Amino acid sequence: MTAVIAEARFPDDADALARVYVASAAHHAALDPARYRVPPLDAVARRYREPRPDTERILVARLGRDVAGFASVALLPPPGPASMLADVTTATLDVAVLPENRGRGIGRRLLEAAATAAAGLGAARLQLDAHHANEGALRLYRYLGYQPMGVLLSRVVL
């Protein structure tokens, strides 16, 4: 069965989006439990029931009636006049696919649709965050043309 990519329906998709997000959180917490945690499902579902700003889109991949994954697109605030950052309209992307649906091209299709949605919002640059140990995600992002833009460093405060 081929996934159908479409805008999420709110509030109808809130519970399904929360399940996908929590599954992604579990994957990330296994990669780096010092950085990630698995939030309560009901708290995530409540977040998805809240109204969405005009600068955000959430797309879902449906396999039949089930949500197999999602991608979110959100415009970042423009840099202020005192910022050294180039004044380029930028969207941040997030993608998550249920474990049983990974490796089927759903993440790729979601990210391609998210790029189109971001362009529709006026974005000229896309960015996303990935953990260095998330090798499958990094392969996908590189395949789609994403390049490292910097390094996020972290340390524990003593």
N, C-alpha and C. Protein backbone atom coordinates (compact mmCIF):
# COMPACT_ATOMS: atom_id res chain seq x y z
N MET A 1 0.85 -1.18 0.00
CA MET A 1 0.00 0.00 0.00
C MET A 1 0.89 1.24 0.00
N THR A 2 0.54 2.20 -0.83
CA THR A 2 1.30 3.44 -0.93
C THR A 2 0.74 4.47 0.03
N ALA A 3 1.63 5.17 0.71
CA ALA A 3 1.21 6.21 1.65
C ALA A 3 0.70 7.42 0.87
N VAL A 4 -0.34 8.02 1.39
CA VAL A 4 -0.89 9.26 0.84
C VAL A 4 -0.45 10.38 1.78
N ILE A 5 0.19 11.41 1.21
CA ILE A 5 0.67 12.55 1.99
C ILE A 5 -0.36 13.67 1.88
N ALA A 6 -0.77 14.19 3.03
CA ALA A 6 -1.77 15.26 3.05
C ALA A 6 -1.58 16.09 4.32
N GLU A 7 -2.22 17.25 4.35
CA GLU A 7 -2.19 18.05 5.57
C GLU A 7 -2.94 17.31 6.67
N ALA A 8 -2.43 17.43 7.88
CA ALA A 8 -3.10 16.82 9.02
C ALA A 8 -4.45 17.49 9.24
N ARG A 9 -5.36 16.73 9.78
CA ARG A 9 -6.70 17.24 10.12
C ARG A 9 -6.75 17.40 11.63
N PHE A 10 -7.07 18.62 12.05
CA PHE A 10 -7.11 18.91 13.48
C PHE A 10 -8.54 19.17 13.90
N PRO A 11 -8.93 18.67 15.04
CA PRO A 11 -8.17 17.91 16.03
C PRO A 11 -8.17 16.40 15.78
N ASP A 12 -8.78 15.96 14.68
CA ASP A 12 -8.97 14.52 14.44
C ASP A 12 -7.67 13.71 14.47
N ASP A 13 -6.57 14.28 13.97
CA ASP A 13 -5.31 13.53 13.89
C ASP A 13 -4.44 13.67 15.13
N ALA A 14 -4.89 14.40 16.14
CA ALA A 14 -4.03 14.69 17.30
C ALA A 14 -3.52 13.42 17.98
N ASP A 15 -4.38 12.45 18.21
CA ASP A 15 -3.94 11.23 18.90
C ASP A 15 -2.96 10.43 18.06
N ALA A 16 -3.20 10.34 16.77
CA ALA A 16 -2.28 9.60 15.88
C ALA A 16 -0.93 10.31 15.80
N LEU A 17 -0.95 11.63 15.69
CA LEU A 17 0.31 12.40 15.67
C LEU A 17 1.09 12.18 16.96
N ALA A 18 0.38 12.16 18.08
CA ALA A 18 1.03 11.94 19.37
C ALA A 18 1.68 10.56 19.42
N ARG A 19 1.01 9.55 18.91
CA ARG A 19 1.60 8.19 18.91
C ARG A 19 2.88 8.15 18.08
N VAL A 20 2.88 8.79 16.93
CA VAL A 20 4.08 8.82 16.09
C VAL A 20 5.18 9.59 16.81
N TYR A 21 4.86 10.73 17.39
CA TYR A 21 5.86 11.54 18.09
C TYR A 21 6.47 10.76 19.25
N VAL A 22 5.65 10.10 20.04
CA VAL A 22 6.16 9.35 21.20
C VAL A 22 7.02 8.18 20.74
N ALA A 23 6.65 7.53 19.65
CA ALA A 23 7.51 6.46 19.11
C ALA A 23 8.85 7.02 18.67
N SER A 24 8.85 8.20 18.07
CA SER A 24 10.10 8.84 17.66
C SER A 24 10.91 9.22 18.91
N ALA A 25 10.24 9.71 19.93
CA ALA A 25 10.93 10.06 21.17
C ALA A 25 11.60 8.83 21.79
N ALA A 26 10.93 7.68 21.74
CA ALA A 26 11.51 6.45 22.28
C ALA A 26 12.76 6.07 21.49
N HIS A 27 12.71 6.23 20.17
CA HIS A 27 13.88 5.95 19.32
C HIS A 27 15.04 6.88 19.72
N HIS A 28 14.75 8.15 19.88
CA HIS A 28 15.79 9.11 20.25
C HIS A 28 16.33 8.87 21.67
N ALA A 29 15.44 8.53 22.60
CA ALA A 29 15.88 8.26 23.97
C ALA A 29 16.79 7.04 24.02
N ALA A 30 16.58 6.08 23.13
CA ALA A 30 17.47 4.92 23.06
C ALA A 30 18.84 5.33 22.52
N LEU A 31 18.87 6.31 21.61
CA LEU A 31 20.15 6.80 21.07
C LEU A 31 20.94 7.58 22.11
N ASP A 32 20.24 8.41 22.89
CA ASP A 32 20.93 9.30 23.83
C ASP A 32 19.99 9.64 24.99
N PRO A 33 19.93 8.78 25.99
CA PRO A 33 19.00 9.01 27.10
C PRO A 33 19.35 10.23 27.96
N ALA A 34 20.56 10.74 27.84
CA ALA A 34 20.91 11.95 28.58
C ALA A 34 20.30 13.20 27.93
N ARG A 35 19.98 13.12 26.66
CA ARG A 35 19.42 14.28 25.94
C ARG A 35 17.92 14.17 25.72
N TYR A 36 17.43 12.96 25.48
CA TYR A 36 16.03 12.78 25.09
C TYR A 36 15.26 12.00 26.16
N ARG A 37 13.96 12.22 26.15
CA ARG A 37 13.05 11.48 27.03
C ARG A 37 11.78 11.16 26.25
N VAL A 38 10.98 10.30 26.80
CA VAL A 38 9.70 9.96 26.18
C VAL A 38 8.61 10.69 26.96
N PRO A 39 7.99 11.69 26.34
CA PRO A 39 6.96 12.46 27.05
C PRO A 39 5.67 11.65 27.15
N PRO A 40 4.80 12.01 28.10
CA PRO A 40 3.52 11.32 28.22
C PRO A 40 2.66 11.52 26.97
N LEU A 41 2.07 10.46 26.51
CA LEU A 41 1.25 10.49 25.30
C LEU A 41 0.13 11.53 25.39
N ASP A 42 -0.53 11.60 26.53
CA ASP A 42 -1.65 12.55 26.65
C ASP A 42 -1.18 14.00 26.56
N ALA A 43 0.01 14.30 27.08
CA ALA A 43 0.54 15.67 26.98
C ALA A 43 0.83 16.03 25.54
N VAL A 44 1.38 15.09 24.78
CA VAL A 44 1.69 15.35 23.37
C VAL A 44 0.39 15.52 22.59
N ALA A 45 -0.60 14.67 22.86
CA ALA A 45 -1.88 14.79 22.16
C ALA A 45 -2.52 16.14 22.44
N ARG A 46 -2.44 16.61 23.69
CA ARG A 46 -2.99 17.95 24.02
C ARG A 46 -2.29 19.02 23.19
N ARG A 47 -0.96 18.90 23.04
CA ARG A 47 -0.22 19.88 22.25
C ARG A 47 -0.73 19.91 20.80
N TYR A 48 -1.01 18.73 20.24
CA TYR A 48 -1.49 18.69 18.86
C TYR A 48 -2.94 19.13 18.72
N ARG A 49 -3.65 19.23 19.82
CA ARG A 49 -5.03 19.74 19.75
C ARG A 49 -5.07 21.26 19.80
N GLU A 50 -3.96 21.89 20.17
CA GLU A 50 -3.91 23.35 20.24
C GLU A 50 -3.94 23.93 18.83
N PRO A 51 -4.46 25.15 18.69
CA PRO A 51 -4.48 25.79 17.36
C PRO A 51 -3.06 25.96 16.81
N ARG A 52 -2.93 25.79 15.51
CA ARG A 52 -1.64 25.92 14.83
C ARG A 52 -1.49 27.35 14.32
N PRO A 53 -0.29 27.92 14.43
CA PRO A 53 -0.07 29.25 13.85
C PRO A 53 -0.08 29.19 12.32
N ASP A 54 -0.30 30.32 11.69
CA ASP A 54 -0.31 30.38 10.22
C ASP A 54 1.05 30.08 9.62
N THR A 55 2.10 30.11 10.42
CA THR A 55 3.47 29.88 9.94
C THR A 55 3.90 28.43 10.12
N GLU A 56 2.96 27.55 10.37
CA GLU A 56 3.27 26.13 10.59
C GLU A 56 2.33 25.25 9.77
N ARG A 57 2.87 24.14 9.30
CA ARG A 57 2.09 23.11 8.61
C ARG A 57 2.51 21.76 9.17
N ILE A 58 1.54 20.86 9.30
CA ILE A 58 1.85 19.48 9.66
C ILE A 58 1.23 18.60 8.59
N LEU A 59 2.08 17.78 8.01
CA LEU A 59 1.68 16.83 6.98
C LEU A 59 1.69 15.43 7.56
N VAL A 60 0.80 14.59 7.10
CA VAL A 60 0.78 13.19 7.55
C VAL A 60 0.91 12.27 6.35
N ALA A 61 1.45 11.10 6.63
CA ALA A 61 1.48 10.01 5.65
C ALA A 61 0.44 9.00 6.13
N ARG A 62 -0.56 8.77 5.31
CA ARG A 62 -1.62 7.82 5.67
C ARG A 62 -1.45 6.53 4.88
N LEU A 63 -1.52 5.44 5.60
CA LEU A 63 -1.60 4.12 5.00
C LEU A 63 -3.02 3.65 5.29
N GLY A 64 -3.88 3.76 4.29
CA GLY A 64 -5.29 3.53 4.54
C GLY A 64 -5.80 4.62 5.46
N ARG A 65 -6.37 4.22 6.59
CA ARG A 65 -6.88 5.20 7.55
C ARG A 65 -5.87 5.53 8.65
N ASP A 66 -4.74 4.83 8.67
CA ASP A 66 -3.76 4.99 9.73
C ASP A 66 -2.68 6.01 9.37
N VAL A 67 -2.27 6.78 10.36
CA VAL A 67 -1.15 7.72 10.19
C VAL A 67 0.14 6.95 10.44
N ALA A 68 0.99 6.89 9.42
CA ALA A 68 2.25 6.15 9.49
C ALA A 68 3.42 7.05 9.86
N GLY A 69 3.24 8.36 9.68
CA GLY A 69 4.31 9.30 9.97
C GLY A 69 3.82 10.71 9.74
N PHE A 70 4.66 11.67 10.11
CA PHE A 70 4.32 13.06 9.89
C PHE A 70 5.57 13.88 9.66
N ALA A 71 5.37 15.05 9.10
CA ALA A 71 6.43 16.06 8.98
C ALA A 71 5.81 17.39 9.38
N SER A 72 6.55 18.12 10.18
CA SER A 72 6.09 19.47 10.53
C SER A 72 7.03 20.49 9.91
N VAL A 73 6.45 21.62 9.57
CA VAL A 73 7.17 22.73 8.96
C VAL A 73 6.81 23.97 9.76
N ALA A 74 7.82 24.70 10.20
CA ALA A 74 7.55 25.93 10.95
C ALA A 74 8.56 27.00 10.53
N LEU A 75 8.04 28.16 10.16
CA LEU A 75 8.94 29.27 9.84
C LEU A 75 9.60 29.76 11.12
N LEU A 76 10.88 30.04 11.03
CA LEU A 76 11.61 30.62 12.15
C LEU A 76 11.44 32.14 12.11
N PRO A 77 11.51 32.78 13.27
CA PRO A 77 11.44 34.24 13.25
C PRO A 77 12.64 34.80 12.48
N PRO A 78 12.46 35.89 11.77
CA PRO A 78 13.59 36.46 11.03
C PRO A 78 14.64 37.00 12.01
N PRO A 79 15.90 36.97 11.58
CA PRO A 79 16.94 37.53 12.45
C PRO A 79 16.73 39.05 12.56
N GLY A 80 17.03 39.56 13.72
CA GLY A 80 16.86 40.99 13.94
C GLY A 80 17.97 41.80 13.29
N PRO A 81 17.85 43.11 13.29
CA PRO A 81 18.84 43.96 12.64
C PRO A 81 20.23 43.87 13.28
N ALA A 82 20.31 43.43 14.52
CA ALA A 82 21.62 43.33 15.18
C ALA A 82 22.22 41.93 15.06
N SER A 83 21.55 41.03 14.31
CA SER A 83 22.03 39.66 14.17
C SER A 83 23.04 39.53 13.04
N MET A 84 24.00 38.65 13.23
CA MET A 84 24.96 38.38 12.14
C MET A 84 24.41 37.39 11.13
N LEU A 85 23.28 36.77 11.42
CA LEU A 85 22.70 35.80 10.49
C LEU A 85 22.13 36.50 9.26
N ALA A 86 22.32 35.87 8.12
CA ALA A 86 21.74 36.39 6.88
C ALA A 86 20.23 36.43 7.01
N ASP A 87 19.64 37.45 6.43
CA ASP A 87 18.19 37.61 6.49
C ASP A 87 17.56 36.74 5.41
N VAL A 88 17.49 35.44 5.69
CA VAL A 88 16.92 34.46 4.76
C VAL A 88 15.75 33.79 5.48
N THR A 89 14.60 33.79 4.85
CA THR A 89 13.44 33.15 5.46
C THR A 89 13.71 31.66 5.55
N THR A 90 13.68 31.15 6.78
CA THR A 90 14.07 29.77 7.05
C THR A 90 12.94 29.01 7.73
N ALA A 91 12.74 27.79 7.31
CA ALA A 91 11.78 26.89 7.95
C ALA A 91 12.54 25.75 8.59
N THR A 92 12.09 25.37 9.76
CA THR A 92 12.64 24.20 10.41
C THR A 92 11.68 23.03 10.18
N LEU A 93 12.25 21.87 9.93
CA LEU A 93 11.46 20.68 9.64
C LEU A 93 11.67 19.64 10.72
N ASP A 94 10.65 18.84 10.94
CA ASP A 94 10.73 17.70 11.84
C ASP A 94 9.98 16.58 11.14
N VAL A 95 10.54 15.38 11.19
CA VAL A 95 9.89 14.25 10.55
C VAL A 95 9.97 13.05 11.47
N ALA A 96 8.92 12.26 11.48
CA ALA A 96 8.88 11.04 12.29
C ALA A 96 8.02 10.01 11.56
N VAL A 97 8.50 8.78 11.56
CA VAL A 97 7.77 7.67 10.94
C VAL A 97 7.74 6.53 11.95
N LEU A 98 6.59 5.88 12.08
CA LEU A 98 6.49 4.75 13.00
C LEU A 98 7.53 3.69 12.64
N PRO A 99 8.10 3.02 13.63
CA PRO A 99 9.17 2.04 13.36
C PRO A 99 8.80 0.99 12.32
N GLU A 100 7.58 0.50 12.35
CA GLU A 100 7.19 -0.55 11.40
C GLU A 100 7.04 -0.04 9.97
N ASN A 101 7.09 1.28 9.79
CA ASN A 101 6.95 1.85 8.45
C ASN A 101 8.23 2.48 7.92
N ARG A 102 9.31 2.40 8.70
CA ARG A 102 10.58 2.99 8.26
C ARG A 102 11.17 2.15 7.14
N GLY A 103 11.96 2.81 6.29
CA GLY A 103 12.62 2.11 5.19
C GLY A 103 11.73 1.86 3.99
N ARG A 104 10.57 2.50 3.95
CA ARG A 104 9.61 2.31 2.86
C ARG A 104 9.45 3.57 2.01
N GLY A 105 10.30 4.57 2.23
CA GLY A 105 10.23 5.80 1.45
C GLY A 105 9.26 6.83 2.00
N ILE A 106 8.62 6.55 3.12
CA ILE A 106 7.63 7.47 3.68
C ILE A 106 8.31 8.74 4.18
N GLY A 107 9.42 8.60 4.89
CA GLY A 107 10.14 9.78 5.38
C GLY A 107 10.59 10.67 4.25
N ARG A 108 11.11 10.06 3.19
CA ARG A 108 11.55 10.83 2.01
C ARG A 108 10.38 11.61 1.43
N ARG A 109 9.26 10.94 1.23
CA ARG A 109 8.10 11.60 0.64
C ARG A 109 7.56 12.72 1.55
N LEU A 110 7.59 12.47 2.86
CA LEU A 110 7.16 13.52 3.79
C LEU A 110 8.07 14.74 3.72
N LEU A 111 9.38 14.50 3.68
CA LEU A 111 10.32 15.62 3.62
C LEU A 111 10.20 16.38 2.30
N GLU A 112 9.96 15.69 1.21
CA GLU A 112 9.76 16.37 -0.08
C GLU A 112 8.50 17.23 -0.03
N ALA A 113 7.43 16.69 0.54
CA ALA A 113 6.19 17.47 0.67
C ALA A 113 6.38 18.63 1.64
N ALA A 114 7.17 18.41 2.69
CA ALA A 114 7.44 19.48 3.65
C ALA A 114 8.22 20.62 3.00
N ALA A 115 9.15 20.27 2.11
CA ALA A 115 9.91 21.31 1.40
C ALA A 115 8.97 22.15 0.54
N THR A 116 8.03 21.52 -0.10
CA THR A 116 7.05 22.24 -0.92
C THR A 116 6.17 23.13 -0.04
N ALA A 117 5.75 22.61 1.11
CA ALA A 117 4.94 23.41 2.03
C ALA A 117 5.74 24.60 2.56
N ALA A 118 7.02 24.38 2.86
CA ALA A 118 7.87 25.47 3.35
C ALA A 118 8.01 26.56 2.30
N ALA A 119 8.20 26.15 1.05
CA ALA A 119 8.30 27.14 -0.03
C ALA A 119 6.99 27.93 -0.13
N GLY A 120 5.87 27.26 0.05
CA GLY A 120 4.58 27.93 0.03
C GLY A 120 4.43 28.95 1.15
N LEU A 121 5.15 28.74 2.25
CA LEU A 121 5.14 29.70 3.36
C LEU A 121 6.15 30.82 3.14
N GLY A 122 6.95 30.71 2.07
CA GLY A 122 7.93 31.74 1.76
C GLY A 122 9.35 31.41 2.17
N ALA A 123 9.60 30.19 2.62
CA ALA A 123 10.94 29.82 3.06
C ALA A 123 11.89 29.66 1.87
N ALA A 124 13.10 30.16 2.04
CA ALA A 124 14.15 29.99 1.04
C ALA A 124 15.22 29.02 1.53
N ARG A 125 15.17 28.68 2.82
CA ARG A 125 16.14 27.75 3.41
C ARG A 125 15.37 26.79 4.33
N LEU A 126 15.83 25.54 4.33
CA LEU A 126 15.27 24.53 5.22
C LEU A 126 16.36 24.09 6.18
N GLN A 127 15.96 23.82 7.42
CA GLN A 127 16.92 23.24 8.35
C GLN A 127 16.21 22.22 9.22
N LEU A 128 16.98 21.27 9.69
CA LEU A 128 16.45 20.27 10.60
C LEU A 128 17.55 19.86 11.55
N ASP A 129 17.16 19.22 12.62
CA ASP A 129 18.08 18.81 13.67
C ASP A 129 18.16 17.29 13.64
N ALA A 130 19.36 16.75 13.75
CA ALA A 130 19.54 15.30 13.78
C ALA A 130 20.64 14.95 14.77
N HIS A 131 20.42 13.88 15.50
CA HIS A 131 21.44 13.39 16.42
C HIS A 131 22.50 12.65 15.62
N HIS A 132 23.75 12.82 16.00
CA HIS A 132 24.85 12.21 15.24
C HIS A 132 24.77 10.68 15.18
N ALA A 133 24.08 10.05 16.14
CA ALA A 133 23.97 8.59 16.15
C ALA A 133 22.76 8.08 15.37
N ASN A 134 21.94 8.98 14.85
CA ASN A 134 20.74 8.58 14.11
C ASN A 134 21.12 8.36 12.64
N GLU A 135 21.84 7.27 12.40
CA GLU A 135 22.45 7.04 11.09
C GLU A 135 21.45 6.93 9.96
N GLY A 136 20.33 6.27 10.18
CA GLY A 136 19.32 6.15 9.12
C GLY A 136 18.78 7.50 8.71
N ALA A 137 18.47 8.34 9.69
CA ALA A 137 17.97 9.68 9.39
C ALA A 137 19.03 10.50 8.66
N LEU A 138 20.26 10.43 9.11
CA LEU A 138 21.33 11.19 8.47
C LEU A 138 21.53 10.76 7.02
N ARG A 139 21.44 9.47 6.75
CA ARG A 139 21.55 9.00 5.36
C ARG A 139 20.44 9.61 4.51
N LEU A 140 19.22 9.60 5.03
CA LEU A 140 18.09 10.17 4.30
C LEU A 140 18.30 11.66 4.05
N TYR A 141 18.70 12.39 5.06
CA TYR A 141 18.87 13.83 4.92
C TYR A 141 19.96 14.15 3.90
N ARG A 142 21.05 13.42 3.95
CA ARG A 142 22.13 13.65 2.97
C ARG A 142 21.65 13.31 1.56
N TYR A 143 20.91 12.23 1.42
CA TYR A 143 20.36 11.83 0.13
C TYR A 143 19.49 12.95 -0.46
N LEU A 144 18.77 13.64 0.41
CA LEU A 144 17.88 14.72 -0.03
C LEU A 144 18.60 16.06 -0.17
N GLY A 145 19.92 16.07 0.03
CA GLY A 145 20.70 17.27 -0.21
C GLY A 145 20.99 18.14 1.01
N TYR A 146 20.59 17.70 2.18
CA TYR A 146 20.90 18.47 3.39
C TYR A 146 22.38 18.30 3.73
N GLN A 147 22.97 19.40 4.14
CA GLN A 147 24.39 19.42 4.49
C GLN A 147 24.54 19.96 5.91
N PRO A 148 25.57 19.50 6.62
CA PRO A 148 25.81 20.06 7.94
C PRO A 148 26.02 21.57 7.85
N MET A 149 25.45 22.29 8.79
CA MET A 149 25.52 23.74 8.77
C MET A 149 26.30 24.26 9.99
N GLY A 150 26.56 23.39 10.91
CA GLY A 150 27.24 23.79 12.13
C GLY A 150 27.34 22.58 13.03
N VAL A 151 27.82 22.78 14.18
CA VAL A 151 27.93 21.70 15.15
C VAL A 151 27.32 22.18 16.46
N LEU A 152 26.43 21.39 16.99
CA LEU A 152 25.84 21.69 18.30
C LEU A 152 26.66 20.93 19.32
N LEU A 153 27.28 21.64 20.23
CA LEU A 153 28.10 21.04 21.26
C LEU A 153 27.36 21.09 22.59
N SER A 154 27.63 20.12 23.42
CA SER A 154 26.95 20.03 24.70
C SER A 154 27.91 19.48 25.74
N ARG A 155 27.72 19.90 26.97
CA ARG A 155 28.45 19.29 28.07
C ARG A 155 27.62 19.43 29.33
N VAL A 156 27.89 18.58 30.27
CA VAL A 156 27.18 18.61 31.55
C VAL A 156 27.82 19.68 32.42
N VAL A 157 27.00 20.47 33.07
CA VAL A 157 27.49 21.49 33.98
C VAL A 157 27.87 20.81 35.29
N LEU A 158 29.08 21.06 35.74
CA LEU A 158 29.55 20.42 36.97
C LEU A 158 29.12 21.16 38.20
